[in-house]
Structure formats: structure tokens, C-alpha cells
Amino acid sequence: MREFEAKNIVVLGASFDDVAANRAFCEKFAYPFKLLSFDRASGKTWGAERAESDSAKRISYLIGPDRKVVKAYAKVKPADHPAQVLADVPA
């Protein structure tokens, strides 16, 4: 997370779980960033809804200071993704 903070990047996660469930998850796994609770309509807007499942797709977006999407990541591998995002941050 220090590399993200050094580049002034805020990392947020989101799931369809309620606030209490997300809080418990963050505490249990020492999640290093904020986890937001989205409803399914919001998830659909962001392309994260799965019709066949109650869980959201694992996707992410790099959003610039102007609040525009710089890059969308449709498939995310947690082990590789932080380095990939850091490499894609505009200078």
C-alpha cells in the first residue's frame, strides 16, 4: 500500500455485502483499504454484476484525478494486479 500512497492513489474495494459484513471481513483479514457496500444496481452500472451469482465479479478501474476512467481491468489476478495498476498510473 505504501507504493500507492506514495503516488497519491486511493484504493477502494466494493462488494454487494452490507456494511456490517464488509466491516467484519476487513477486520478478519486486516484489509488494507476501505471496502464499500454497493447494491446490485450500482454493480450493474460498473459491470460487476453476475446474473448467475450473488457475488460481484472481480474487476477494477483506475480512475484519474478528473474522475474519468483511465483503464478498466475486466479480469483481475490479485497477486499480479497491484503491480499492473502501478505501472498504468500516468506520470
PDB file of N, CA and C in Angstrom:
ATOM      1  N   MET A   1       0.812  -1.202   0.000  1.00  0.00           N
ATOM      2  CA  MET A   1       0.000   0.000   0.000  1.00  0.00           C
ATOM      3  C   MET A   1       0.851   1.260   0.000  1.00  0.00           C
ATOM      4  N   ARG A   2       2.066   1.161   0.496  1.00  0.00           N
ATOM      5  CA  ARG A   2       2.923   2.360   0.537  1.00  0.00           C
ATOM      6  C   ARG A   2       3.203   2.906  -0.852  1.00  0.00           C
ATOM      7  N   GLU A   3       3.359   1.997  -1.819  1.00  0.00           N
ATOM      8  CA  GLU A   3       3.626   2.452  -3.188  1.00  0.00           C
ATOM      9  C   GLU A   3       2.439   3.245  -3.743  1.00  0.00           C
ATOM     10  N   PHE A   4       1.243   2.821  -3.399  1.00  0.00           N
ATOM     11  CA  PHE A   4       0.051   3.547  -3.840  1.00  0.00           C
ATOM     12  C   PHE A   4      -0.034   4.900  -3.143  1.00  0.00           C
ATOM     13  N   GLU A   5       0.208   4.906  -1.846  1.00  0.00           N
ATOM     14  CA  GLU A   5       0.170   6.160  -1.088  1.00  0.00           C
ATOM     15  C   GLU A   5       1.222   7.138  -1.599  1.00  0.00           C
ATOM     16  N   ALA A   6       2.398   6.641  -1.954  1.00  0.00           N
ATOM     17  CA  ALA A   6       3.470   7.499  -2.466  1.00  0.00           C
ATOM     18  C   ALA A   6       3.068   8.175  -3.773  1.00  0.00           C
ATOM     19  N   LYS A   7       2.197   7.526  -4.541  1.00  0.00           N
ATOM     20  CA  LYS A   7       1.722   8.104  -5.804  1.00  0.00           C
ATOM     21  C   LYS A   7       0.383   8.817  -5.629  1.00  0.00           C
ATOM     22  N   ASN A   8      -0.027   9.000  -4.375  1.00  0.00           N
ATOM     23  CA  ASN A   8      -1.279   9.698  -4.064  1.00  0.00           C
ATOM     24  C   ASN A   8      -2.505   8.960  -4.605  1.00  0.00           C
ATOM     25  N   ILE A   9      -2.454   7.628  -4.567  1.00  0.00           N
ATOM     26  CA  ILE A   9      -3.538   6.796  -5.073  1.00  0.00           C
ATOM     27  C   ILE A   9      -4.372   6.295  -3.902  1.00  0.00           C
ATOM     28  N   VAL A  10      -5.670   6.440  -4.021  1.00  0.00           N
ATOM     29  CA  VAL A  10      -6.603   5.916  -3.025  1.00  0.00           C
ATOM     30  C   VAL A  10      -7.168   4.608  -3.569  1.00  0.00           C
ATOM     31  N   VAL A  11      -7.074   3.558  -2.784  1.00  0.00           N
ATOM     32  CA  VAL A  11      -7.604   2.252  -3.181  1.00  0.00           C
ATOM     33  C   VAL A  11      -8.902   2.003  -2.415  1.00  0.00           C
ATOM     34  N   LEU A  12      -9.946   1.672  -3.160  1.00  0.00           N
ATOM     35  CA  LEU A  12     -11.242   1.331  -2.573  1.00  0.00           C
ATOM     36  C   LEU A  12     -11.697  -0.003  -3.144  1.00  0.00           C
ATOM     37  N   GLY A  13     -12.319  -0.798  -2.327  1.00  0.00           N
ATOM     38  CA  GLY A  13     -12.940  -2.034  -2.779  1.00  0.00           C
ATOM     39  C   GLY A  13     -14.443  -1.886  -2.667  1.00  0.00           C
ATOM     40  N   ALA A  14     -15.174  -2.779  -3.309  1.00  0.00           N
ATOM     41  CA  ALA A  14     -16.634  -2.752  -3.214  1.00  0.00           C
ATOM     42  C   ALA A  14     -17.167  -4.170  -3.324  1.00  0.00           C
ATOM     43  N   SER A  15     -18.256  -4.416  -2.618  1.00  0.00           N
ATOM     44  CA  SER A  15     -18.932  -5.704  -2.722  1.00  0.00           C
ATOM     45  C   SER A  15     -20.425  -5.490  -2.534  1.00  0.00           C
ATOM     46  N   PHE A  16     -21.192  -6.553  -2.767  1.00  0.00           N
ATOM     47  CA  PHE A  16     -22.638  -6.489  -2.576  1.00  0.00           C
ATOM     48  C   PHE A  16     -23.036  -6.780  -1.137  1.00  0.00           C
ATOM     49  N   ASP A  17     -22.071  -7.078  -0.286  1.00  0.00           N
ATOM     50  CA  ASP A  17     -22.375  -7.344   1.120  1.00  0.00           C
ATOM     51  C   ASP A  17     -22.737  -6.050   1.834  1.00  0.00           C
ATOM     52  N   ASP A  18     -23.464  -6.176   2.940  1.00  0.00           N
ATOM     53  CA  ASP A  18     -23.840  -4.979   3.682  1.00  0.00           C
ATOM     54  C   ASP A  18     -22.646  -4.432   4.476  1.00  0.00           C
ATOM     55  N   VAL A  19     -22.824  -3.259   5.031  1.00  0.00           N
ATOM     56  CA  VAL A  19     -21.741  -2.561   5.732  1.00  0.00           C
ATOM     57  C   VAL A  19     -21.174  -3.412   6.868  1.00  0.00           C
ATOM     58  N   ALA A  20     -22.036  -4.031   7.656  1.00  0.00           N
ATOM     59  CA  ALA A  20     -21.569  -4.839   8.792  1.00  0.00           C
ATOM     60  C   ALA A  20     -20.735  -6.027   8.322  1.00  0.00           C
ATOM     61  N   ALA A  21     -21.165  -6.697   7.259  1.00  0.00           N
ATOM     62  CA  ALA A  21     -20.413  -7.836   6.728  1.00  0.00           C
ATOM     63  C   ALA A  21     -19.062  -7.383   6.183  1.00  0.00           C
ATOM     64  N   ASN A  22     -19.039  -6.241   5.497  1.00  0.00           N
ATOM     65  CA  ASN A  22     -17.770  -5.728   4.978  1.00  0.00           C
ATOM     66  C   ASN A  22     -16.824  -5.337   6.105  1.00  0.00           C
ATOM     67  N   ARG A  23     -17.351  -4.739   7.152  1.00  0.00           N
ATOM     68  CA  ARG A  23     -16.524  -4.356   8.302  1.00  0.00           C
ATOM     69  C   ARG A  23     -15.901  -5.607   8.931  1.00  0.00           C
ATOM     70  N   ALA A  24     -16.706  -6.647   9.122  1.00  0.00           N
ATOM     71  CA  ALA A  24     -16.214  -7.896   9.709  1.00  0.00           C
ATOM     72  C   ALA A  24     -15.144  -8.530   8.821  1.00  0.00           C
ATOM     73  N   PHE A  25     -15.356  -8.505   7.509  1.00  0.00           N
ATOM     74  CA  PHE A  25     -14.380  -9.047   6.568  1.00  0.00           C
ATOM     75  C   PHE A  25     -13.057  -8.293   6.673  1.00  0.00           C
ATOM     76  N   CYS A  26     -13.135  -6.968   6.684  1.00  0.00           N
ATOM     77  CA  CYS A  26     -11.923  -6.141   6.769  1.00  0.00           C
ATOM     78  C   CYS A  26     -11.160  -6.402   8.061  1.00  0.00           C
ATOM     79  N   GLU A  27     -11.880  -6.541   9.156  1.00  0.00           N
ATOM     80  CA  GLU A  27     -11.227  -6.801  10.438  1.00  0.00           C
ATOM     81  C   GLU A  27     -10.604  -8.193  10.467  1.00  0.00           C
ATOM     82  N   LYS A  28     -11.323  -9.177   9.975  1.00  0.00           N
ATOM     83  CA  LYS A  28     -10.836 -10.562   9.995  1.00  0.00           C
ATOM     84  C   LYS A  28      -9.576 -10.734   9.161  1.00  0.00           C
ATOM     85  N   PHE A  29      -9.541 -10.109   7.993  1.00  0.00           N
ATOM     86  CA  PHE A  29      -8.426 -10.297   7.070  1.00  0.00           C
ATOM     87  C   PHE A  29      -7.456  -9.118   7.037  1.00  0.00           C
ATOM     88  N   ALA A  30      -7.592  -8.183   7.974  1.00  0.00           N
ATOM     89  CA  ALA A  30      -6.731  -6.997   8.030  1.00  0.00           C
ATOM     90  C   ALA A  30      -6.646  -6.327   6.657  1.00  0.00           C
ATOM     91  N   TYR A  31      -7.804  -6.116   6.057  1.00  0.00           N
ATOM     92  CA  TYR A  31      -7.887  -5.495   4.738  1.00  0.00           C
ATOM     93  C   TYR A  31      -7.230  -4.122   4.785  1.00  0.00           C
ATOM     94  N   PRO A  32      -6.323  -3.811   3.860  1.00  0.00           N
ATOM     95  CA  PRO A  32      -5.561  -2.563   3.950  1.00  0.00           C
ATOM     96  C   PRO A  32      -6.245  -1.334   3.354  1.00  0.00           C
ATOM     97  N   PHE A  33      -7.480  -1.476   2.861  1.00  0.00           N
ATOM     98  CA  PHE A  33      -8.170  -0.317   2.295  1.00  0.00           C
ATOM     99  C   PHE A  33      -9.659  -0.393   2.596  1.00  0.00           C
ATOM    100  N   LYS A  34     -10.357   0.688   2.299  1.00  0.00           N
ATOM    101  CA  LYS A  34     -11.791   0.760   2.582  1.00  0.00           C
ATOM    102  C   LYS A  34     -12.565  -0.144   1.628  1.00  0.00           C
ATOM    103  N   LEU A  35     -13.593  -0.771   2.161  1.00  0.00           N
ATOM    104  CA  LEU A  35     -14.449  -1.647   1.376  1.00  0.00           C
ATOM    105  C   LEU A  35     -15.867  -1.082   1.409  1.00  0.00           C
ATOM    106  N   LEU A  36     -16.367  -0.690   0.249  1.00  0.00           N
ATOM    107  CA  LEU A  36     -17.682  -0.074   0.126  1.00  0.00           C
ATOM    108  C   LEU A  36     -18.762  -1.126  -0.101  1.00  0.00           C
ATOM    109  N   SER A  37     -19.973  -0.820   0.301  1.00  0.00           N
ATOM    110  CA  SER A  37     -21.122  -1.687   0.056  1.00  0.00           C
ATOM    111  C   SER A  37     -21.923  -1.118  -1.108  1.00  0.00           C
ATOM    112  N   PHE A  38     -22.011  -1.883  -2.190  1.00  0.00           N
ATOM    113  CA  PHE A  38     -22.775  -1.480  -3.368  1.00  0.00           C
ATOM    114  C   PHE A  38     -24.028  -2.339  -3.467  1.00  0.00           C
ATOM    115  N   ASP A  39     -25.104  -1.749  -3.954  1.00  0.00           N
ATOM    116  CA  ASP A  39     -26.263  -2.572  -4.275  1.00  0.00           C
ATOM    117  C   ASP A  39     -26.068  -3.142  -5.682  1.00  0.00           C
ATOM    118  N   ARG A  40     -26.921  -4.082  -6.048  1.00  0.00           N
ATOM    119  CA  ARG A  40     -26.750  -4.751  -7.347  1.00  0.00           C
ATOM    120  C   ARG A  40     -26.903  -3.773  -8.514  1.00  0.00           C
ATOM    121  N   ALA A  41     -27.750  -2.756  -8.377  1.00  0.00           N
ATOM    122  CA  ALA A  41     -27.921  -1.775  -9.456  1.00  0.00           C
ATOM    123  C   ALA A  41     -26.618  -1.026  -9.701  1.00  0.00           C
ATOM    124  N   SER A  42     -25.928  -0.646  -8.629  1.00  0.00           N
ATOM    125  CA  SER A  42     -24.629   0.019  -8.776  1.00  0.00           C
ATOM    126  C   SER A  42     -23.621  -0.931  -9.397  1.00  0.00           C
ATOM    127  N   GLY A  43     -23.648  -2.171  -8.956  1.00  0.00           N
ATOM    128  CA  GLY A  43     -22.747  -3.175  -9.522  1.00  0.00           C
ATOM    129  C   GLY A  43     -22.982  -3.369 -11.005  1.00  0.00           C
ATOM    130  N   LYS A  44     -24.236  -3.337 -11.408  1.00  0.00           N
ATOM    131  CA  LYS A  44     -24.561  -3.471 -12.831  1.00  0.00           C
ATOM    132  C   LYS A  44     -24.011  -2.282 -13.610  1.00  0.00           C
ATOM    133  N   THR A  45     -24.139  -1.086 -13.054  1.00  0.00           N
ATOM    134  CA  THR A  45     -23.616   0.119 -13.702  1.00  0.00           C
ATOM    135  C   THR A  45     -22.119   0.001 -13.962  1.00  0.00           C
ATOM    136  N   TRP A  46     -21.401  -0.580 -12.997  1.00  0.00           N
ATOM    137  CA  TRP A  46     -19.945  -0.718 -13.108  1.00  0.00           C
ATOM    138  C   TRP A  46     -19.523  -2.014 -13.797  1.00  0.00           C
ATOM    139  N   GLY A  47     -20.490  -2.812 -14.252  1.00  0.00           N
ATOM    140  CA  GLY A  47     -20.165  -4.056 -14.946  1.00  0.00           C
ATOM    141  C   GLY A  47     -19.732  -5.174 -14.016  1.00  0.00           C
ATOM    142  N   ALA A  48     -20.102  -5.092 -12.751  1.00  0.00           N
ATOM    143  CA  ALA A  48     -19.641  -6.073 -11.769  1.00  0.00           C
ATOM    144  C   ALA A  48     -20.693  -7.121 -11.417  1.00  0.00           C
ATOM    145  N   GLU A  49     -21.905  -6.960 -11.916  1.00  0.00           N
ATOM    146  CA  GLU A  49     -22.966  -7.896 -11.558  1.00  0.00           C
ATOM    147  C   GLU A  49     -22.810  -9.212 -12.322  1.00  0.00           C
ATOM    148  N   ARG A  50     -23.037 -10.306 -11.617  1.00  0.00           N
ATOM    149  CA  ARG A  50     -23.097 -11.633 -12.236  1.00  0.00           C
ATOM    150  C   ARG A  50     -24.540 -12.112 -12.120  1.00  0.00           C
ATOM    151  N   ALA A  51     -25.163 -12.388 -13.239  1.00  0.00           N
ATOM    152  CA  ALA A  51     -26.558 -12.835 -13.212  1.00  0.00           C
ATOM    153  C   ALA A  51     -26.700 -14.163 -12.481  1.00  0.00           C
ATOM    154  N   GLU A  52     -25.690 -15.014 -12.583  1.00  0.00           N
ATOM    155  CA  GLU A  52     -25.775 -16.360 -12.028  1.00  0.00           C
ATOM    156  C   GLU A  52     -25.276 -16.476 -10.589  1.00  0.00           C
ATOM    157  N   SER A  53     -24.898 -15.365  -9.971  1.00  0.00           N
ATOM    158  CA  SER A  53     -24.284 -15.437  -8.645  1.00  0.00           C
ATOM    159  C   SER A  53     -24.658 -14.223  -7.800  1.00  0.00           C
ATOM    160  N   ASP A  54     -24.593 -14.400  -6.488  1.00  0.00           N
ATOM    161  CA  ASP A  54     -24.821 -13.280  -5.572  1.00  0.00           C
ATOM    162  C   ASP A  54     -23.570 -12.435  -5.381  1.00  0.00           C
ATOM    163  N   SER A  55     -22.430 -12.947  -5.809  1.00  0.00           N
ATOM    164  CA  SER A  55     -21.183 -12.200  -5.628  1.00  0.00           C
ATOM    165  C   SER A  55     -20.875 -11.354  -6.859  1.00  0.00           C
ATOM    166  N   ALA A  56     -20.079 -10.329  -6.646  1.00  0.00           N
ATOM    167  CA  ALA A  56     -19.677  -9.442  -7.739  1.00  0.00           C
ATOM    168  C   ALA A  56     -18.485 -10.034  -8.482  1.00  0.00           C
ATOM    169  N   LYS A  57     -18.326  -9.635  -9.737  1.00  0.00           N
ATOM    170  CA  LYS A  57     -17.136 -10.016 -10.497  1.00  0.00           C
ATOM    171  C   LYS A  57     -15.932  -9.331  -9.880  1.00  0.00           C
ATOM    172  N   ARG A  58     -14.779  -9.941 -10.016  1.00  0.00           N
ATOM    173  CA  ARG A  58     -13.541  -9.329  -9.539  1.00  0.00           C
ATOM    174  C   ARG A  58     -12.986  -8.480 -10.682  1.00  0.00           C
ATOM    175  N   ILE A  59     -13.344  -7.208 -10.673  1.00  0.00           N
ATOM    176  CA  ILE A  59     -12.894  -6.260 -11.690  1.00  0.00           C
ATOM    177  C   ILE A  59     -12.361  -5.026 -10.973  1.00  0.00           C
ATOM    178  N   SER A  60     -11.655  -4.185 -11.707  1.00  0.00           N
ATOM    179  CA  SER A  60     -11.250  -2.917 -11.098  1.00  0.00           C
ATOM    180  C   SER A  60     -11.102  -1.844 -12.161  1.00  0.00           C
ATOM    181  N   TYR A  61     -11.059  -0.618 -11.667  1.00  0.00           N
ATOM    182  CA  TYR A  61     -10.924   0.554 -12.528  1.00  0.00           C
ATOM    183  C   TYR A  61      -9.859   1.468 -11.954  1.00  0.00           C
ATOM    184  N   LEU A  62      -9.048   2.009 -12.830  1.00  0.00           N
ATOM    185  CA  LEU A  62      -8.111   3.063 -12.466  1.00  0.00           C
ATOM    186  C   LEU A  62      -8.784   4.366 -12.874  1.00  0.00           C
ATOM    187  N   ILE A  63      -9.061   5.204 -11.893  1.00  0.00           N
ATOM    188  CA  ILE A  63      -9.784   6.452 -12.133  1.00  0.00           C
ATOM    189  C   ILE A  63      -8.851   7.617 -11.858  1.00  0.00           C
ATOM    190  N   GLY A  64      -8.774   8.543 -12.798  1.00  0.00           N
ATOM    191  CA  GLY A  64      -7.871   9.680 -12.681  1.00  0.00           C
ATOM    192  C   GLY A  64      -8.408  10.777 -11.784  1.00  0.00           C
ATOM    193  N   PRO A  65      -7.576  11.784 -11.513  1.00  0.00           N
ATOM    194  CA  PRO A  65      -7.987  12.908 -10.676  1.00  0.00           C
ATOM    195  C   PRO A  65      -9.194  13.660 -11.234  1.00  0.00           C
ATOM    196  N   ASP A  66      -9.404  13.546 -12.551  1.00  0.00           N
ATOM    197  CA  ASP A  66     -10.556  14.196 -13.182  1.00  0.00           C
ATOM    198  C   ASP A  66     -11.827  13.342 -13.082  1.00  0.00           C
ATOM    199  N   ARG A  67     -11.720  12.212 -12.366  1.00  0.00           N
ATOM    200  CA  ARG A  67     -12.819  11.264 -12.131  1.00  0.00           C
ATOM    201  C   ARG A  67     -13.241  10.511 -13.381  1.00  0.00           C
ATOM    202  N   LYS A  68     -12.375  10.459 -14.373  1.00  0.00           N
ATOM    203  CA  LYS A  68     -12.630   9.679 -15.581  1.00  0.00           C
ATOM    204  C   LYS A  68     -11.851   8.374 -15.496  1.00  0.00           C
ATOM    205  N   VAL A  69     -12.440   7.321 -16.065  1.00  0.00           N
ATOM    206  CA  VAL A  69     -11.782   6.019 -16.057  1.00  0.00           C
ATOM    207  C   VAL A  69     -10.571   6.069 -16.979  1.00  0.00           C
ATOM    208  N   VAL A  70      -9.401   5.793 -16.419  1.00  0.00           N
ATOM    209  CA  VAL A  70      -8.160   5.740 -17.184  1.00  0.00           C
ATOM    210  C   VAL A  70      -8.023   4.362 -17.819  1.00  0.00           C
ATOM    211  N   LYS A  71      -8.350   3.328 -17.032  1.00  0.00           N
ATOM    212  CA  LYS A  71      -8.241   1.961 -17.527  1.00  0.00           C
ATOM    213  C   LYS A  71      -9.196   1.069 -16.757  1.00  0.00           C
ATOM    214  N   ALA A  72      -9.802   0.126 -17.474  1.00  0.00           N
ATOM    215  CA  ALA A  72     -10.666  -0.882 -16.859  1.00  0.00           C
ATOM    216  C   ALA A  72      -9.957  -2.226 -16.927  1.00  0.00           C
ATOM    217  N   TYR A  73     -10.053  -2.976 -15.858  1.00  0.00           N
ATOM    218  CA  TYR A  73      -9.439  -4.300 -15.770  1.00  0.00           C
ATOM    219  C   TYR A  73     -10.567  -5.316 -15.606  1.00  0.00           C
ATOM    220  N   ALA A  74     -10.912  -6.008 -16.688  1.00  0.00           N
ATOM    221  CA  ALA A  74     -12.048  -6.927 -16.670  1.00  0.00           C
ATOM    222  C   ALA A  74     -11.745  -8.214 -15.920  1.00  0.00           C
ATOM    223  N   LYS A  75     -10.510  -8.646 -15.937  1.00  0.00           N
ATOM    224  CA  LYS A  75     -10.108  -9.854 -15.212  1.00  0.00           C
ATOM    225  C   LYS A  75      -8.916  -9.498 -14.343  1.00  0.00           C
ATOM    226  N   VAL A  76      -9.050  -9.789 -13.070  1.00  0.00           N
ATOM    227  CA  VAL A  76      -8.027  -9.388 -12.105  1.00  0.00           C
ATOM    228  C   VAL A  76      -7.462 -10.613 -11.403  1.00  0.00           C
ATOM    229  N   LYS A  77      -6.144 -10.733 -11.400  1.00  0.00           N
ATOM    230  CA  LYS A  77      -5.453 -11.748 -10.602  1.00  0.00           C
ATOM    231  C   LYS A  77      -4.840 -11.014  -9.416  1.00  0.00           C
ATOM    232  N   PRO A  78      -5.337 -11.261  -8.212  1.00  0.00           N
ATOM    233  CA  PRO A  78      -4.891 -10.493  -7.043  1.00  0.00           C
ATOM    234  C   PRO A  78      -3.374 -10.431  -6.854  1.00  0.00           C
ATOM    235  N   ALA A  79      -2.664 -11.487  -7.176  1.00  0.00           N
ATOM    236  CA  ALA A  79      -1.212 -11.498  -6.960  1.00  0.00           C
ATOM    237  C   ALA A  79      -0.483 -10.516  -7.875  1.00  0.00           C
ATOM    238  N   ASP A  80      -0.975 -10.342  -9.091  1.00  0.00           N
ATOM    239  CA  ASP A  80      -0.299  -9.504 -10.084  1.00  0.00           C
ATOM    240  C   ASP A  80      -0.877  -8.101 -10.214  1.00  0.00           C
ATOM    241  N   HIS A  81      -2.085  -7.929  -9.746  1.00  0.00           N
ATOM    242  CA  HIS A  81      -2.820  -6.701 -10.052  1.00  0.00           C
ATOM    243  C   HIS A  81      -2.211  -5.414  -9.485  1.00  0.00           C
ATOM    244  N   PRO A  82      -1.744  -5.385  -8.246  1.00  0.00           N
ATOM    245  CA  PRO A  82      -1.174  -4.120  -7.752  1.00  0.00           C
ATOM    246  C   PRO A  82      -0.040  -3.588  -8.630  1.00  0.00           C
ATOM    247  N   ALA A  83       0.870  -4.453  -9.039  1.00  0.00           N
ATOM    248  CA  ALA A  83       1.982  -4.013  -9.890  1.00  0.00           C
ATOM    249  C   ALA A  83       1.473  -3.536 -11.245  1.00  0.00           C
ATOM    250  N   GLN A  84       0.459  -4.213 -11.763  1.00  0.00           N
ATOM    251  CA  GLN A  84      -0.121  -3.822 -13.046  1.00  0.00           C
ATOM    252  C   GLN A  84      -0.726  -2.426 -12.963  1.00  0.00           C
ATOM    253  N   VAL A  85      -1.472  -2.159 -11.906  1.00  0.00           N
ATOM    254  CA  VAL A  85      -2.095  -0.846 -11.745  1.00  0.00           C
ATOM    255  C   VAL A  85      -1.028   0.230 -11.577  1.00  0.00           C
ATOM    256  N   LEU A  86      -0.037  -0.028 -10.739  1.00  0.00           N
ATOM    257  CA  LEU A  86       1.033   0.960 -10.539  1.00  0.00           C
ATOM    258  C   LEU A  86       1.737   1.285 -11.851  1.00  0.00           C
ATOM    259  N   ALA A  87       1.926   0.281 -12.698  1.00  0.00           N
ATOM    260  CA  ALA A  87       2.577   0.506 -13.993  1.00  0.00           C
ATOM    261  C   ALA A  87       1.703   1.341 -14.926  1.00  0.00           C
ATOM    262  N   ASP A  88       0.392   1.277 -14.739  1.00  0.00           N
ATOM    263  CA  ASP A  88      -0.539   2.000 -15.612  1.00  0.00           C
ATOM    264  C   ASP A  88      -0.854   3.418 -15.152  1.00  0.00           C
ATOM    265  N   VAL A  89      -0.396   3.790 -13.970  1.00  0.00           N
ATOM    266  CA  VAL A  89      -0.673   5.138 -13.459  1.00  0.00           C
ATOM    267  C   VAL A  89       0.080   6.153 -14.314  1.00  0.00           C
ATOM    268  N   PRO A  90      -0.640   7.122 -14.878  1.00  0.00           N
ATOM    269  CA  PRO A  90       0.041   8.144 -15.680  1.00  0.00           C
ATOM    270  C   PRO A  90       1.070   8.908 -14.843  1.00  0.00           C
ATOM    271  N   ALA A  91       2.139   9.277 -15.475  1.00  0.00           N
ATOM    272  CA  ALA A  91       3.215  10.003 -14.777  1.00  0.00           C
ATOM    273  C   ALA A  91       2.784  11.385 -14.377  1.00  0.00           C
TER     274      ALA A  91
END
